[in-house]
Amino acid sequence: MTMKFIGIDLGWKSQPSGLCCLEWINGQLQLLDLDRKEAIADILTWIDRSVQPDEPAIIAVDAPTLIPNATGSRLPDKLSHKHFGKYHAGCCIYSLEQLLDINYLTENM
């Protein structure tokens, strides 16, 4: 049995998104495609081209989110750092104030 694994790392509005398609074939994971796209329509077309409707697949998406509280941190963010931080995986947390500063700096550079 084969299984496809699709990974999508959505970029911020100023950067392209990273796309990866892997397939489990005969007990081995093989890289089928690695790409970058900017437009959402192009990302959806890439997914449609990578996985047929009758194929088994798992799609994982890493997307930036804005959390409109003072610290930018929520319990799920803290737990992801607690359990996955040792693997250098976790949430990138910015408070609303930091995001406003980043946007200001980005727009005025």
Foldseek 3Di string as FASTA:
>chain_A
DKEKEWEWECDDLVAWIWIWIWMQDPNDIHTDDIDTDRDPVVVVVVVCVRDPPPGHYDYDYHYDDADADAFQDDPQQVVQCVPCVVVVDGDDGDYPVRVVVVVVVVVPD
